PDB file of N, CA and C in Angstrom:
ATOM      1  N   MET A   1     -17.612 -33.679 -52.069  1.00  0.00           N
ATOM      2  CA  MET A   1     -18.354 -33.479 -50.887  1.00  0.00           C
ATOM      3  C   MET A   1     -18.793 -35.073 -50.457  1.00  0.00           C
ATOM      4  N   LYS A   2     -18.694 -35.429 -49.255  1.00  0.00           N
ATOM      5  CA  LYS A   2     -18.960 -36.813 -48.628  1.00  0.00           C
ATOM      6  C   LYS A   2     -20.389 -36.982 -48.622  1.00  0.00           C
ATOM      7  N   ARG A   3     -20.915 -37.983 -49.066  1.00  0.00           N
ATOM      8  CA  ARG A   3     -22.021 -38.813 -49.240  1.00  0.00           C
ATOM      9  C   ARG A   3     -22.582 -39.106 -47.939  1.00  0.00           C
ATOM     10  N   TYR A   4     -23.697 -38.840 -47.601  1.00  0.00           N
ATOM     11  CA  TYR A   4     -24.061 -39.345 -46.342  1.00  0.00           C
ATOM     12  C   TYR A   4     -24.519 -40.672 -46.493  1.00  0.00           C
ATOM     13  N   ASP A   5     -24.498 -41.809 -45.655  1.00  0.00           N
ATOM     14  CA  ASP A   5     -24.679 -43.340 -46.023  1.00  0.00           C
ATOM     15  C   ASP A   5     -24.698 -43.995 -44.636  1.00  0.00           C
ATOM     16  N   ASP A   6     -25.914 -44.001 -44.345  1.00  0.00           N
ATOM     17  CA  ASP A   6     -26.528 -44.734 -43.193  1.00  0.00           C
ATOM     18  C   ASP A   6     -27.700 -45.591 -43.356  1.00  0.00           C
ATOM     19  N   PRO A   7     -27.507 -47.142 -43.310  1.00  0.00           N
ATOM     20  CA  PRO A   7     -28.841 -47.788 -43.167  1.00  0.00           C
ATOM     21  C   PRO A   7     -29.718 -47.828 -42.863  1.00  0.00           C
ATOM     22  N   LEU A   8     -29.351 -47.113 -41.696  1.00  0.00           N
ATOM     23  CA  LEU A   8     -30.723 -47.078 -40.486  1.00  0.00           C
ATOM     24  C   LEU A   8     -31.194 -45.736 -40.869  1.00  0.00           C
ATOM     25  N   ASP A   9     -30.641 -44.900 -41.714  1.00  0.00           N
ATOM     26  CA  ASP A   9     -31.467 -43.703 -41.817  1.00  0.00           C
ATOM     27  C   ASP A   9     -30.848 -43.211 -43.146  1.00  0.00           C
ATOM     28  N   ARG A  10     -31.633 -44.003 -44.448  1.00  0.00           N
ATOM     29  CA  ARG A  10     -31.273 -43.776 -45.617  1.00  0.00           C
ATOM     30  C   ARG A  10     -31.474 -42.565 -46.247  1.00  0.00           C
ATOM     31  N   LYS A  11     -32.909 -41.967 -45.796  1.00  0.00           N
ATOM     32  CA  LYS A  11     -33.309 -40.949 -46.167  1.00  0.00           C
ATOM     33  C   LYS A  11     -32.352 -39.450 -45.440  1.00  0.00           C
ATOM     34  N   ALA A  12     -31.545 -39.903 -44.407  1.00  0.00           N
ATOM     35  CA  ALA A  12     -30.938 -38.807 -43.652  1.00  0.00           C
ATOM     36  C   ALA A  12     -31.999 -37.865 -43.155  1.00  0.00           C
ATOM     37  N   LEU A  13     -32.832 -38.535 -42.536  1.00  0.00           N
ATOM     38  CA  LEU A  13     -33.767 -37.989 -41.784  1.00  0.00           C
ATOM     39  C   LEU A  13     -33.436 -37.494 -40.292  1.00  0.00           C
ATOM     40  N   ILE A  14     -33.027 -38.437 -39.541  1.00  0.00           N
ATOM     41  CA  ILE A  14     -32.372 -38.159 -38.217  1.00  0.00           C
ATOM     42  C   ILE A  14     -31.166 -37.117 -38.222  1.00  0.00           C
ATOM     43  N   PHE A  15     -30.285 -37.460 -39.199  1.00  0.00           N
ATOM     44  CA  PHE A  15     -29.153 -36.608 -39.376  1.00  0.00           C
ATOM     45  C   PHE A  15     -29.599 -35.032 -39.668  1.00  0.00           C
ATOM     46  N   GLU A  16     -30.412 -34.839 -40.680  1.00  0.00           N
ATOM     47  CA  GLU A  16     -30.876 -33.384 -41.113  1.00  0.00           C
ATOM     48  C   GLU A  16     -31.600 -32.938 -39.644  1.00  0.00           C
ATOM     49  N   ALA A  17     -32.619 -33.584 -39.234  1.00  0.00           N
ATOM     50  CA  ALA A  17     -33.337 -33.180 -37.974  1.00  0.00           C
ATOM     51  C   ALA A  17     -32.199 -32.429 -36.936  1.00  0.00           C
ATOM     52  N   TYR A  18     -31.207 -32.949 -36.828  1.00  0.00           N
ATOM     53  CA  TYR A  18     -30.195 -32.364 -35.704  1.00  0.00           C
ATOM     54  C   TYR A  18     -29.411 -31.254 -36.167  1.00  0.00           C
ATOM     55  N   ARG A  19     -29.662 -31.070 -37.577  1.00  0.00           N
ATOM     56  CA  ARG A  19     -28.907 -29.745 -38.347  1.00  0.00           C
ATOM     57  C   ARG A  19     -29.758 -28.781 -38.542  1.00  0.00           C
ATOM     58  N   ILE A  20     -30.900 -29.092 -38.294  1.00  0.00           N
ATOM     59  CA  ILE A  20     -32.047 -27.730 -38.443  1.00  0.00           C
ATOM     60  C   ILE A  20     -32.266 -27.137 -37.298  1.00  0.00           C
ATOM     61  N   ASP A  21     -31.758 -25.376 -37.148  1.00  0.00           N
ATOM     62  CA  ASP A  21     -31.820 -24.925 -36.300  1.00  0.00           C
ATOM     63  C   ASP A  21     -33.111 -24.506 -36.111  1.00  0.00           C
ATOM     64  N   GLY A  22     -33.727 -24.563 -34.753  1.00  0.00           N
ATOM     65  CA  GLY A  22     -35.045 -23.914 -34.224  1.00  0.00           C
ATOM     66  C   GLY A  22     -36.002 -25.047 -34.414  1.00  0.00           C
ATOM     67  N   ILE A  23     -35.572 -26.118 -34.762  1.00  0.00           N
ATOM     68  CA  ILE A  23     -36.681 -27.253 -35.051  1.00  0.00           C
ATOM     69  C   ILE A  23     -37.628 -27.405 -33.623  1.00  0.00           C
ATOM     70  N   LYS A  24     -38.819 -27.774 -33.776  1.00  0.00           N
ATOM     71  CA  LYS A  24     -39.791 -27.738 -32.718  1.00  0.00           C
ATOM     72  C   LYS A  24     -40.101 -29.502 -32.750  1.00  0.00           C
ATOM     73  N   ALA A  25     -40.837 -29.517 -31.180  1.00  0.00           N
ATOM     74  CA  ALA A  25     -40.864 -31.167 -30.944  1.00  0.00           C
ATOM     75  C   ALA A  25     -41.728 -31.772 -31.783  1.00  0.00           C
ATOM     76  N   ASP A  26     -42.892 -30.830 -32.414  1.00  0.00           N
ATOM     77  CA  ASP A  26     -43.973 -31.617 -33.171  1.00  0.00           C
ATOM     78  C   ASP A  26     -43.493 -31.928 -34.536  1.00  0.00           C
ATOM     79  N   GLU A  27     -42.330 -31.142 -35.097  1.00  0.00           N
ATOM     80  CA  GLU A  27     -41.545 -31.465 -36.075  1.00  0.00           C
ATOM     81  C   GLU A  27     -40.933 -32.580 -36.111  1.00  0.00           C
ATOM     82  N   CYS A  28     -40.157 -32.666 -34.965  1.00  0.00           N
ATOM     83  CA  CYS A  28     -39.396 -33.933 -34.920  1.00  0.00           C
ATOM     84  C   CYS A  28     -40.284 -35.349 -34.626  1.00  0.00           C
ATOM     85  N   ARG A  29     -41.421 -35.240 -34.009  1.00  0.00           N
ATOM     86  CA  ARG A  29     -42.106 -36.255 -33.976  1.00  0.00           C
ATOM     87  C   ARG A  29     -42.430 -36.545 -35.508  1.00  0.00           C
ATOM     88  N   SER A  30     -43.097 -35.664 -36.414  1.00  0.00           N
ATOM     89  CA  SER A  30     -43.222 -36.147 -37.638  1.00  0.00           C
ATOM     90  C   SER A  30     -42.026 -36.558 -38.302  1.00  0.00           C
ATOM     91  N   ILE A  31     -41.079 -36.330 -38.189  1.00  0.00           N
ATOM     92  CA  ILE A  31     -39.611 -36.564 -38.854  1.00  0.00           C
ATOM     93  C   ILE A  31     -39.426 -38.119 -38.332  1.00  0.00           C
ATOM     94  N   PHE A  32     -39.618 -38.378 -37.143  1.00  0.00           N
ATOM     95  CA  PHE A  32     -39.324 -39.660 -36.619  1.00  0.00           C
ATOM     96  C   PHE A  32     -40.583 -40.873 -36.907  1.00  0.00           C
ATOM     97  N   LEU A  33     -41.706 -40.240 -37.074  1.00  0.00           N
ATOM     98  CA  LEU A  33     -42.310 -41.388 -37.654  1.00  0.00           C
ATOM     99  C   LEU A  33     -42.125 -41.654 -39.138  1.00  0.00           C
ATOM    100  N   ASP A  34     -41.698 -40.980 -40.072  1.00  0.00           N
ATOM    101  CA  ASP A  34     -41.350 -41.056 -41.320  1.00  0.00           C
ATOM    102  C   ASP A  34     -40.028 -41.949 -41.185  1.00  0.00           C
ATOM    103  N   TRP A  35     -39.009 -41.518 -40.425  1.00  0.00           N
ATOM    104  CA  TRP A  35     -37.970 -42.508 -40.221  1.00  0.00           C
ATOM    105  C   TRP A  35     -38.341 -44.096 -39.753  1.00  0.00           C
ATOM    106  N   ALA A  36     -38.824 -43.937 -38.863  1.00  0.00           N
ATOM    107  CA  ALA A  36     -39.536 -45.126 -38.312  1.00  0.00           C
ATOM    108  C   ALA A  36     -40.242 -46.163 -39.486  1.00  0.00           C
ATOM    109  N   MET A  37     -40.987 -45.548 -40.293  1.00  0.00           N
ATOM    110  CA  MET A  37     -41.650 -46.117 -41.316  1.00  0.00           C
ATOM    111  C   MET A  37     -40.702 -46.338 -42.439  1.00  0.00           C
ATOM    112  N   SER A  38     -39.562 -45.939 -42.596  1.00  0.00           N
ATOM    113  CA  SER A  38     -38.696 -46.242 -43.992  1.00  0.00           C
ATOM    114  C   SER A  38     -37.498 -47.017 -43.168  1.00  0.00           C
ATOM    115  N   LEU A  39     -37.433 -47.652 -42.012  1.00  0.00           N
ATOM    116  CA  LEU A  39     -36.476 -48.344 -41.538  1.00  0.00           C
ATOM    117  C   LEU A  39     -36.643 -49.720 -42.620  1.00  0.00           C
ATOM    118  N   PRO A  40     -35.354 -50.515 -42.826  1.00  0.00           N
ATOM    119  CA  PRO A  40     -35.564 -51.799 -43.338  1.00  0.00           C
ATOM    120  C   PRO A  40     -36.371 -52.943 -42.828  1.00  0.00           C
ATOM    121  N   ASP A  41     -36.800 -53.816 -43.634  1.00  0.00           N
ATOM    122  CA  ASP A  41     -37.612 -54.734 -42.840  1.00  0.00           C
ATOM    123  C   ASP A  41     -36.857 -55.597 -42.004  1.00  0.00           C
ATOM    124  N   GLY A  42     -37.632 -55.783 -41.084  1.00  0.00           N
ATOM    125  CA  GLY A  42     -37.232 -56.801 -40.163  1.00  0.00           C
ATOM    126  C   GLY A  42     -35.985 -56.002 -39.314  1.00  0.00           C
ATOM    127  N   GLN A  43     -36.085 -54.683 -39.345  1.00  0.00           N
ATOM    128  CA  GLN A  43     -35.052 -54.021 -38.526  1.00  0.00           C
ATOM    129  C   GLN A  43     -35.552 -53.701 -37.146  1.00  0.00           C
ATOM    130  N   ASP A  44     -35.033 -53.864 -36.033  1.00  0.00           N
ATOM    131  CA  ASP A  44     -35.409 -53.626 -34.845  1.00  0.00           C
ATOM    132  C   ASP A  44     -35.302 -52.241 -34.483  1.00  0.00           C
ATOM    133  N   THR A  45     -36.586 -51.855 -34.126  1.00  0.00           N
ATOM    134  CA  THR A  45     -36.895 -50.345 -33.809  1.00  0.00           C
ATOM    135  C   THR A  45     -36.125 -49.796 -32.488  1.00  0.00           C
ATOM    136  N   GLN A  46     -36.109 -50.585 -31.561  1.00  0.00           N
ATOM    137  CA  GLN A  46     -35.568 -50.259 -30.532  1.00  0.00           C
ATOM    138  C   GLN A  46     -34.055 -50.232 -30.557  1.00  0.00           C
ATOM    139  N   ALA A  47     -33.392 -50.893 -31.218  1.00  0.00           N
ATOM    140  CA  ALA A  47     -32.017 -51.091 -31.464  1.00  0.00           C
ATOM    141  C   ALA A  47     -31.537 -49.844 -32.466  1.00  0.00           C
ATOM    142  N   ALA A  48     -32.612 -49.624 -33.208  1.00  0.00           N
ATOM    143  CA  ALA A  48     -32.088 -48.343 -34.040  1.00  0.00           C
ATOM    144  C   ALA A  48     -32.259 -47.130 -33.207  1.00  0.00           C
ATOM    145  N   ILE A  49     -33.461 -46.873 -32.415  1.00  0.00           N
ATOM    146  CA  ILE A  49     -33.534 -45.919 -31.599  1.00  0.00           C
ATOM    147  C   ILE A  49     -32.155 -45.512 -30.636  1.00  0.00           C
ATOM    148  N   THR A  50     -31.943 -46.564 -29.819  1.00  0.00           N
ATOM    149  CA  THR A  50     -30.795 -47.012 -29.193  1.00  0.00           C
ATOM    150  C   THR A  50     -29.441 -46.313 -29.869  1.00  0.00           C
ATOM    151  N   HIS A  51     -29.401 -46.718 -30.970  1.00  0.00           N
ATOM    152  CA  HIS A  51     -28.182 -46.268 -31.934  1.00  0.00           C
ATOM    153  C   HIS A  51     -28.160 -44.658 -31.982  1.00  0.00           C
ATOM    154  N   TYR A  52     -29.129 -44.292 -32.335  1.00  0.00           N
ATOM    155  CA  TYR A  52     -29.122 -42.781 -32.544  1.00  0.00           C
ATOM    156  C   TYR A  52     -29.133 -41.874 -31.254  1.00  0.00           C
ATOM    157  N   LEU A  53     -29.645 -42.498 -30.203  1.00  0.00           N
ATOM    158  CA  LEU A  53     -29.631 -41.824 -28.697  1.00  0.00           C
ATOM    159  C   LEU A  53     -28.143 -41.812 -28.281  1.00  0.00           C
ATOM    160  N   GLU A  54     -27.300 -43.073 -28.522  1.00  0.00           N
ATOM    161  CA  GLU A  54     -25.985 -42.811 -28.292  1.00  0.00           C
ATOM    162  C   GLU A  54     -25.108 -42.033 -29.328  1.00  0.00           C
ATOM    163  N   ARG A  55     -25.424 -42.125 -30.505  1.00  0.00           N
ATOM    164  CA  ARG A  55     -24.924 -41.151 -31.562  1.00  0.00           C
ATOM    165  C   ARG A  55     -24.764 -39.801 -31.256  1.00  0.00           C
ATOM    166  N   TYR A  56     -26.345 -39.039 -31.109  1.00  0.00           N
ATOM    167  CA  TYR A  56     -26.489 -37.827 -30.897  1.00  0.00           C
ATOM    168  C   TYR A  56     -26.854 -37.475 -29.368  1.00  0.00           C
ATOM    169  N   GLY A  57     -27.329 -38.442 -28.450  1.00  0.00           N
ATOM    170  CA  GLY A  57     -28.023 -37.951 -27.329  1.00  0.00           C
ATOM    171  C   GLY A  57     -26.725 -37.227 -26.230  1.00  0.00           C
ATOM    172  N   ALA A  58     -25.649 -37.600 -26.554  1.00  0.00           N
ATOM    173  CA  ALA A  58     -24.777 -36.815 -25.328  1.00  0.00           C
ATOM    174  C   ALA A  58     -24.309 -35.606 -25.819  1.00  0.00           C
ATOM    175  N   ASP A  59     -24.423 -35.555 -27.263  1.00  0.00           N
ATOM    176  CA  ASP A  59     -24.031 -34.273 -27.765  1.00  0.00           C
ATOM    177  C   ASP A  59     -24.796 -32.940 -27.808  1.00  0.00           C
ATOM    178  N   PHE A  60     -26.350 -33.411 -27.875  1.00  0.00           N
ATOM    179  CA  PHE A  60     -27.536 -32.492 -28.206  1.00  0.00           C
ATOM    180  C   PHE A  60     -28.473 -33.251 -26.995  1.00  0.00           C
ATOM    181  N   PRO A  61     -28.184 -32.996 -25.793  1.00  0.00           N
ATOM    182  CA  PRO A  61     -29.307 -33.692 -24.794  1.00  0.00           C
ATOM    183  C   PRO A  61     -30.465 -33.078 -24.785  1.00  0.00           C
ATOM    184  N   ASP A  62     -30.714 -31.567 -25.154  1.00  0.00           N
ATOM    185  CA  ASP A  62     -31.792 -30.464 -25.095  1.00  0.00           C
ATOM    186  C   ASP A  62     -32.447 -30.396 -26.132  1.00  0.00           C
ATOM    187  N   HIS A  63     -31.847 -31.388 -27.409  1.00  0.00           N
ATOM    188  CA  HIS A  63     -32.563 -31.208 -28.535  1.00  0.00           C
ATOM    189  C   HIS A  63     -33.918 -31.820 -28.834  1.00  0.00           C
ATOM    190  N   PRO A  64     -34.800 -31.322 -29.260  1.00  0.00           N
ATOM    191  CA  PRO A  64     -35.954 -31.977 -29.616  1.00  0.00           C
ATOM    192  C   PRO A  64     -36.175 -33.600 -30.254  1.00  0.00           C
ATOM    193  N   MET A  65     -35.380 -33.786 -30.979  1.00  0.00           N
ATOM    194  CA  MET A  65     -35.174 -34.922 -31.391  1.00  0.00           C
ATOM    195  C   MET A  65     -34.881 -36.032 -30.710  1.00  0.00           C
ATOM    196  N   THR A  66     -33.560 -35.564 -29.651  1.00  0.00           N
ATOM    197  CA  THR A  66     -33.199 -36.526 -28.586  1.00  0.00           C
ATOM    198  C   THR A  66     -34.425 -36.737 -27.490  1.00  0.00           C
ATOM    199  N   GLN A  67     -35.363 -35.782 -27.398  1.00  0.00           N
ATOM    200  CA  GLN A  67     -36.318 -36.007 -26.645  1.00  0.00           C
ATOM    201  C   GLN A  67     -37.515 -37.131 -27.366  1.00  0.00           C
ATOM    202  N   VAL A  68     -37.464 -37.045 -28.499  1.00  0.00           N
ATOM    203  CA  VAL A  68     -38.675 -37.582 -29.158  1.00  0.00           C
ATOM    204  C   VAL A  68     -37.901 -39.378 -29.304  1.00  0.00           C
ATOM    205  N   LEU A  69     -36.827 -39.332 -29.457  1.00  0.00           N
ATOM    206  CA  LEU A  69     -36.267 -40.517 -29.503  1.00  0.00           C
ATOM    207  C   LEU A  69     -36.328 -41.270 -28.238  1.00  0.00           C
ATOM    208  N   GLN A  70     -36.166 -40.378 -26.945  1.00  0.00           N
ATOM    209  CA  GLN A  70     -36.225 -41.241 -25.606  1.00  0.00           C
ATOM    210  C   GLN A  70     -37.673 -41.328 -25.554  1.00  0.00           C
ATOM    211  N   GLN A  71     -38.587 -40.769 -25.931  1.00  0.00           N
ATOM    212  CA  GLN A  71     -40.085 -41.020 -25.871  1.00  0.00           C
ATOM    213  C   GLN A  71     -40.392 -42.236 -26.684  1.00  0.00           C
ATOM    214  N   GLY A  72     -39.901 -42.527 -27.627  1.00  0.00           N
ATOM    215  CA  GLY A  72     -40.201 -43.468 -28.819  1.00  0.00           C
ATOM    216  C   GLY A  72     -39.326 -44.790 -27.944  1.00  0.00           C
ATOM    217  N   GLN A  73     -38.231 -44.524 -27.414  1.00  0.00           N
ATOM    218  CA  GLN A  73     -37.880 -45.938 -26.531  1.00  0.00           C
ATOM    219  C   GLN A  73     -38.932 -46.298 -25.347  1.00  0.00           C
ATOM    220  N   GLU A  74     -38.964 -45.191 -24.687  1.00  0.00           N
ATOM    221  CA  GLU A  74     -39.968 -45.197 -23.152  1.00  0.00           C
ATOM    222  C   GLU A  74     -41.245 -46.038 -23.552  1.00  0.00           C
ATOM    223  N   ALA A  75     -41.892 -45.464 -25.014  1.00  0.00           N
ATOM    224  CA  ALA A  75     -43.245 -46.161 -25.469  1.00  0.00           C
ATOM    225  C   ALA A  75     -43.235 -47.488 -25.448  1.00  0.00           C
ATOM    226  N   ALA A  76     -42.042 -47.923 -26.502  1.00  0.00           N
ATOM    227  CA  ALA A  76     -41.750 -49.343 -26.767  1.00  0.00           C
ATOM    228  C   ALA A  76     -41.890 -50.141 -25.642  1.00  0.00           C
ATOM    229  N   MET A  77     -41.091 -49.509 -24.397  1.00  0.00           N
ATOM    230  CA  MET A  77     -41.074 -50.541 -23.151  1.00  0.00           C
ATOM    231  C   MET A  77     -42.203 -50.661 -22.310  1.00  0.00           C
ATOM    232  N   GLN A  78     -43.040 -50.006 -22.386  1.00  0.00           N
ATOM    233  CA  GLN A  78     -44.153 -49.890 -21.721  1.00  0.00           C
ATOM    234  C   GLN A  78     -45.058 -51.239 -21.993  1.00  0.00           C
ATOM    235  N   PRO A  79     -45.690 -52.034 -21.139  1.00  0.00           N
ATOM    236  CA  PRO A  79     -46.572 -53.220 -21.649  1.00  0.00           C
ATOM    237  C   PRO A  79     -47.624 -52.722 -21.978  1.00  0.00           C
ATOM    238  N   ARG A  80     -48.131 -53.713 -22.669  1.00  0.00           N
ATOM    239  CA  ARG A  80     -49.345 -53.527 -23.475  1.00  0.00           C
ATOM    240  C   ARG A  80     -50.410 -54.267 -23.160  1.00  0.00           C
ATOM    241  N   ARG A  81     -51.632 -54.020 -23.060  1.00  0.00           N
ATOM    242  CA  ARG A  81     -52.775 -54.645 -22.637  1.00  0.00           C
ATOM    243  C   ARG A  81     -53.326 -55.810 -23.673  1.00  0.00           C
ATOM    244  N   ARG A  82     -53.378 -56.934 -23.532  1.00  0.00           N
ATOM    245  CA  ARG A  82     -53.773 -58.112 -24.316  1.00  0.00           C
ATOM    246  C   ARG A  82     -55.222 -57.668 -24.727  1.00  0.00           C
ATOM    247  N   GLY A  83     -55.533 -57.830 -25.821  1.00  0.00           N
ATOM    248  CA  GLY A  83     -57.087 -57.906 -26.070  1.00  0.00           C
ATOM    249  C   GLY A  83     -57.541 -59.274 -26.018  1.00  0.00           C
ATOM    250  N   GLY A  84     -58.989 -59.496 -26.274  1.00  0.00           N
ATOM    251  CA  GLY A  84     -59.602 -60.472 -26.795  1.00  0.00           C
ATOM    252  C   GLY A  84     -59.892 -61.295 -25.579  1.00  0.00           C
ATOM    253  N   TRP A  85     -60.037 -62.685 -25.668  1.00  0.00           N
ATOM    254  CA  TRP A  85     -60.412 -63.706 -24.693  1.00  0.00           C
ATOM    255  C   TRP A  85     -59.361 -63.790 -23.916  1.00  0.00           C
ATOM    256  N   LYS A  86     -58.103 -63.834 -24.138  1.00  0.00           N
ATOM    257  CA  LYS A  86     -56.944 -63.899 -23.270  1.00  0.00           C
ATOM    258  C   LYS A  86     -57.016 -63.096 -22.305  1.00  0.00           C
ATOM    259  N   SER A  87     -57.259 -61.754 -22.537  1.00  0.00           N
ATOM    260  CA  SER A  87     -57.406 -60.766 -21.326  1.00  0.00           C
ATOM    261  C   SER A  87     -58.578 -60.789 -20.275  1.00  0.00           C
ATOM    262  N   ARG A  88     -59.509 -61.909 -20.539  1.00  0.00           N
ATOM    263  CA  ARG A  88     -60.765 -62.087 -19.763  1.00  0.00           C
ATOM    264  C   ARG A  88     -60.377 -62.962 -18.660  1.00  0.00           C
ATOM    265  N   PRO A  89     -61.006 -62.288 -17.537  1.00  0.00           N
ATOM    266  CA  PRO A  89     -60.856 -63.408 -16.265  1.00  0.00           C
ATOM    267  C   PRO A  89     -61.785 -64.870 -16.442  1.00  0.00           C
ATOM    268  N   ARG A  90     -60.846 -65.835 -15.917  1.00  0.00           N
ATOM    269  CA  ARG A  90     -61.332 -67.258 -16.362  1.00  0.00           C
ATOM    270  C   ARG A  90     -61.954 -67.771 -14.806  1.00  0.00           C
ATOM    271  N   ASP A  91     -62.871 -68.833 -14.787  1.00  0.00           N
ATOM    272  CA  ASP A  91     -63.284 -69.393 -13.630  1.00  0.00           C
ATOM    273  C   ASP A  91     -62.451 -70.587 -13.434  1.00  0.00           C
TER     274      ASP A  91
END
Protein backbone atom coordinates (compact mmCIF):
# COMPACT_ATOMS: atom_id res chain seq x y z
CA MET A 1 0.00 0.00 0.00
CA LYS A 2 1.37 3.41 -0.98
CA ARG A 3 1.90 5.81 1.90
CA TYR A 4 0.31 9.25 1.53
CA ASP A 5 3.05 11.87 1.74
CA ASP A 6 2.28 15.54 1.24
CA PRO A 7 4.21 18.18 3.20
CA LEU A 8 1.28 20.62 2.94
CA ASP A 9 -1.20 18.04 4.23
CA ARG A 10 0.79 15.94 6.69
CA LYS A 11 -2.35 14.57 8.35
CA ALA A 12 -3.98 13.91 4.93
CA LEU A 13 -6.95 16.02 6.01
CA ILE A 14 -7.66 17.61 2.62
CA PHE A 15 -7.02 14.30 0.85
CA GLU A 16 -9.46 12.42 3.09
CA ALA A 17 -12.10 15.17 2.97
CA TYR A 18 -12.42 14.62 -0.76
CA ARG A 19 -12.82 10.88 -0.20
CA ILE A 20 -15.63 11.10 2.38
CA ASP A 21 -18.94 10.37 0.71
CA GLY A 22 -21.70 12.79 1.73
CA ILE A 23 -19.48 15.19 3.65
CA LYS A 24 -21.15 18.51 4.52
CA ALA A 25 -19.80 22.07 4.28
CA ASP A 26 -19.64 22.55 8.07
CA GLU A 27 -17.53 19.40 8.38
CA CYS A 28 -15.25 20.69 5.62
CA ARG A 29 -14.85 24.01 7.43
CA SER A 30 -13.77 22.17 10.57
CA ILE A 31 -11.30 20.08 8.56
CA PHE A 32 -10.02 23.21 6.81
CA LEU A 33 -9.34 24.93 10.15
CA ASP A 34 -7.48 21.89 11.49
CA TRP A 35 -5.49 21.68 8.23
CA ALA A 36 -4.61 25.40 8.26
CA MET A 37 -3.42 25.21 11.85
CA SER A 38 -1.18 22.24 11.05
CA LEU A 39 0.61 23.86 8.10
CA PRO A 40 4.39 24.06 8.50
CA ASP A 41 5.71 27.25 10.11
CA GLY A 42 6.25 29.98 7.56
CA GLN A 43 4.07 28.31 4.93
CA ASP A 44 2.09 30.77 2.80
CA THR A 45 -1.52 29.75 3.43
CA GLN A 46 -2.74 31.31 0.18
CA ALA A 47 -0.19 29.35 -1.84
CA ALA A 48 -1.29 26.14 -0.12
CA ILE A 49 -4.98 26.85 -0.77
CA THR A 50 -4.19 27.59 -4.43
CA HIS A 51 -2.25 24.32 -4.64
CA TYR A 52 -5.26 22.30 -3.47
CA LEU A 53 -7.74 24.18 -5.63
CA GLU A 54 -5.56 23.39 -8.64
CA ARG A 55 -5.18 19.79 -7.52
CA TYR A 56 -8.84 19.01 -6.72
CA GLY A 57 -11.01 21.93 -7.89
CA ALA A 58 -11.36 20.95 -11.55
CA ASP A 59 -12.22 17.33 -10.77
CA PHE A 60 -14.55 18.18 -7.85
CA PRO A 61 -16.04 21.63 -8.59
CA ASP A 62 -19.22 21.00 -6.55
CA HIS A 63 -17.53 19.35 -3.57
CA PRO A 64 -18.01 21.20 -0.27
CA MET A 65 -14.24 21.20 0.37
CA THR A 66 -13.66 22.97 -2.94
CA GLN A 67 -16.18 25.60 -1.87
CA VAL A 68 -14.53 25.98 1.54
CA LEU A 69 -11.10 26.38 -0.07
CA GLN A 70 -12.52 29.03 -2.41
CA GLN A 71 -14.05 30.87 0.55
CA GLY A 72 -10.72 30.71 2.38
CA GLN A 73 -8.99 32.19 -0.63
CA GLU A 74 -11.57 34.97 -1.00
CA ALA A 75 -11.54 35.83 2.71
CA ALA A 76 -7.78 36.27 2.70
CA MET A 77 -7.95 38.61 -0.29
CA GLN A 78 -10.44 41.00 1.30
CA PRO A 79 -8.77 44.06 2.81
CA ARG A 80 -9.04 44.44 6.54
CA ARG A 81 -9.52 47.63 8.45
CA ARG A 82 -6.51 48.71 10.38
CA GLY A 83 -7.32 49.51 13.97
CA GLY A 84 -5.86 51.91 16.45
CA TRP A 85 -4.51 55.38 15.88
CA LYS A 86 -3.57 54.72 12.23
CA SER A 87 -7.23 54.37 11.25
CA ARG A 88 -8.36 57.62 12.89
CA PRO A 89 -8.73 60.76 10.78
CA ARG A 90 -6.05 63.38 11.30
CA ASP A 91 -6.16 67.15 10.80
